[in-house]
Amino acid sequence: MSIYTTEPSKGAKNRALNRAQCEAFDWMRDHGDTFPEMRDLYQQIHDQADKERQKL
């Protein structure tokens, strides 16, 4: 077994989740009133990022 891995570190995963949440929040803030159905999808992304973070 190799000591090198392609699996991202916990910190890298956390940063990726933070980025996804920030992007989702920004989109909801800027466009959510115009596209309410998409706003709900972005809210799901935001919520799923919280769930994924708890698994780390």
N, C-alpha and C. Protein backbone atom coordinates (compact mmCIF):
# COMPACT_ATOMS: atom_id res chain seq x y z
N MET A 1 0.84 -1.18 0.00
CA MET A 1 0.00 0.00 0.00
C MET A 1 0.89 1.24 0.00
N SER A 2 0.55 2.19 -0.82
CA SER A 2 1.32 3.42 -0.95
C SER A 2 1.03 4.35 0.22
N ILE A 3 2.05 5.11 0.62
CA ILE A 3 1.84 6.10 1.68
C ILE A 3 1.21 7.37 1.13
N TYR A 4 1.18 7.48 -0.19
CA TYR A 4 0.57 8.64 -0.83
C TYR A 4 -0.88 8.33 -1.17
N THR A 5 -1.71 9.30 -1.03
CA THR A 5 -3.13 9.10 -1.30
C THR A 5 -3.67 10.25 -2.13
N THR A 6 -4.68 9.97 -2.88
CA THR A 6 -5.33 11.04 -3.64
C THR A 6 -6.55 11.56 -2.89
N GLU A 7 -6.85 10.96 -1.75
CA GLU A 7 -7.97 11.40 -0.92
C GLU A 7 -7.64 12.77 -0.33
N PRO A 8 -8.53 13.75 -0.50
CA PRO A 8 -8.28 15.08 0.08
C PRO A 8 -8.24 15.01 1.61
N SER A 9 -7.47 15.91 2.19
CA SER A 9 -7.39 15.97 3.64
C SER A 9 -8.72 16.47 4.21
N LYS A 10 -8.88 16.29 5.51
CA LYS A 10 -10.09 16.78 6.18
C LYS A 10 -10.22 18.29 6.00
N GLY A 11 -9.11 18.99 6.10
CA GLY A 11 -9.13 20.44 5.92
C GLY A 11 -9.55 20.84 4.52
N ALA A 12 -9.05 20.10 3.52
CA ALA A 12 -9.42 20.40 2.13
C ALA A 12 -10.90 20.13 1.90
N LYS A 13 -11.40 19.05 2.49
CA LYS A 13 -12.83 18.75 2.36
C LYS A 13 -13.66 19.85 3.01
N ASN A 14 -13.23 20.29 4.18
CA ASN A 14 -13.97 21.34 4.89
C ASN A 14 -13.98 22.63 4.09
N ARG A 15 -12.85 22.98 3.49
CA ARG A 15 -12.79 24.19 2.66
C ARG A 15 -13.71 24.07 1.45
N ALA A 16 -13.77 22.89 0.85
CA ALA A 16 -14.66 22.68 -0.30
C ALA A 16 -16.12 22.84 0.11
N LEU A 17 -16.47 22.31 1.27
CA LEU A 17 -17.85 22.45 1.75
C LEU A 17 -18.17 23.91 2.07
N ASN A 18 -17.20 24.61 2.67
CA ASN A 18 -17.40 26.03 2.95
C ASN A 18 -17.64 26.81 1.67
N ARG A 19 -16.85 26.50 0.66
CA ARG A 19 -16.99 27.19 -0.63
C ARG A 19 -18.37 26.93 -1.23
N ALA A 20 -18.80 25.67 -1.22
CA ALA A 20 -20.12 25.33 -1.77
C ALA A 20 -21.22 26.07 -1.01
N GLN A 21 -21.10 26.12 0.31
CA GLN A 21 -22.12 26.82 1.10
C GLN A 21 -22.12 28.31 0.80
N CYS A 22 -20.95 28.90 0.70
CA CYS A 22 -20.88 30.34 0.40
C CYS A 22 -21.47 30.65 -0.97
N GLU A 23 -21.13 29.83 -1.95
CA GLU A 23 -21.67 30.05 -3.30
C GLU A 23 -23.19 29.91 -3.29
N ALA A 24 -23.69 28.89 -2.60
CA ALA A 24 -25.14 28.67 -2.54
C ALA A 24 -25.82 29.85 -1.84
N PHE A 25 -25.24 30.30 -0.73
CA PHE A 25 -25.83 31.42 0.01
C PHE A 25 -25.83 32.69 -0.83
N ASP A 26 -24.70 32.96 -1.50
CA ASP A 26 -24.62 34.16 -2.35
C ASP A 26 -25.66 34.12 -3.46
N TRP A 27 -25.82 32.96 -4.09
CA TRP A 27 -26.80 32.83 -5.17
C TRP A 27 -28.20 33.05 -4.64
N MET A 28 -28.51 32.43 -3.49
CA MET A 28 -29.85 32.59 -2.92
C MET A 28 -30.14 34.05 -2.59
N ARG A 29 -29.14 34.73 -2.04
CA ARG A 29 -29.31 36.14 -1.69
C ARG A 29 -29.54 36.99 -2.93
N ASP A 30 -28.78 36.72 -3.99
CA ASP A 30 -28.84 37.55 -5.19
C ASP A 30 -30.01 37.22 -6.11
N HIS A 31 -30.41 35.96 -6.19
CA HIS A 31 -31.37 35.54 -7.21
C HIS A 31 -32.56 34.74 -6.69
N GLY A 32 -32.57 34.44 -5.42
CA GLY A 32 -33.59 33.55 -4.87
C GLY A 32 -35.02 34.04 -5.06
N ASP A 33 -35.25 35.34 -4.97
CA ASP A 33 -36.61 35.86 -5.14
C ASP A 33 -37.08 35.72 -6.58
N THR A 34 -36.16 35.79 -7.51
CA THR A 34 -36.50 35.69 -8.93
C THR A 34 -36.77 34.24 -9.33
N PHE A 35 -36.04 33.31 -8.74
CA PHE A 35 -36.14 31.89 -9.09
C PHE A 35 -36.40 31.06 -7.82
N PRO A 36 -37.63 31.10 -7.31
CA PRO A 36 -37.90 30.44 -6.02
C PRO A 36 -37.67 28.92 -6.04
N GLU A 37 -37.95 28.25 -7.15
CA GLU A 37 -37.73 26.80 -7.18
C GLU A 37 -36.24 26.48 -7.12
N MET A 38 -35.44 27.27 -7.82
CA MET A 38 -33.99 27.06 -7.76
C MET A 38 -33.46 27.45 -6.39
N ARG A 39 -34.06 28.46 -5.77
CA ARG A 39 -33.64 28.85 -4.42
C ARG A 39 -33.77 27.65 -3.48
N ASP A 40 -34.85 26.89 -3.63
CA ASP A 40 -35.04 25.72 -2.78
C ASP A 40 -33.95 24.68 -3.02
N LEU A 41 -33.52 24.51 -4.27
CA LEU A 41 -32.43 23.58 -4.57
C LEU A 41 -31.12 24.05 -3.95
N TYR A 42 -30.86 25.34 -4.04
CA TYR A 42 -29.64 25.87 -3.44
C TYR A 42 -29.68 25.74 -1.92
N GLN A 43 -30.87 25.86 -1.34
CA GLN A 43 -31.00 25.65 0.10
C GLN A 43 -30.66 24.21 0.46
N GLN A 44 -31.07 23.28 -0.39
CA GLN A 44 -30.74 21.87 -0.17
C GLN A 44 -29.23 21.65 -0.22
N ILE A 45 -28.57 22.31 -1.17
CA ILE A 45 -27.10 22.22 -1.25
C ILE A 45 -26.48 22.75 0.03
N HIS A 46 -26.96 23.89 0.48
CA HIS A 46 -26.46 24.52 1.70
C HIS A 46 -26.63 23.57 2.88
N ASP A 47 -27.81 22.97 3.01
CA ASP A 47 -28.09 22.06 4.11
C ASP A 47 -27.27 20.77 4.01
N GLN A 48 -27.10 20.26 2.80
CA GLN A 48 -26.32 19.03 2.62
C GLN A 48 -24.86 19.25 2.99
N ALA A 49 -24.34 20.43 2.72
CA ALA A 49 -22.96 20.74 3.11
C ALA A 49 -22.81 20.64 4.63
N ASP A 50 -23.81 21.10 5.38
CA ASP A 50 -23.77 20.95 6.84
C ASP A 50 -23.73 19.48 7.24
N LYS A 51 -24.55 18.66 6.60
CA LYS A 51 -24.58 17.23 6.91
C LYS A 51 -23.24 16.57 6.59
N GLU A 52 -22.67 16.92 5.45
CA GLU A 52 -21.38 16.35 5.06
C GLU A 52 -20.28 16.77 6.03
N ARG A 53 -20.34 18.00 6.50
CA ARG A 53 -19.33 18.50 7.43
C ARG A 53 -19.39 17.71 8.74
N GLN A 54 -20.59 17.34 9.17
CA GLN A 54 -20.73 16.56 10.41
C GLN A 54 -20.11 15.18 10.28
N LYS A 55 -20.02 14.66 9.06
CA LYS A 55 -19.42 13.34 8.83
C LYS A 55 -17.89 13.37 8.89
N LEU A 56 -17.31 14.56 8.75
CA LEU A 56 -15.84 14.65 8.71
C LEU A 56 -15.20 14.30 10.04
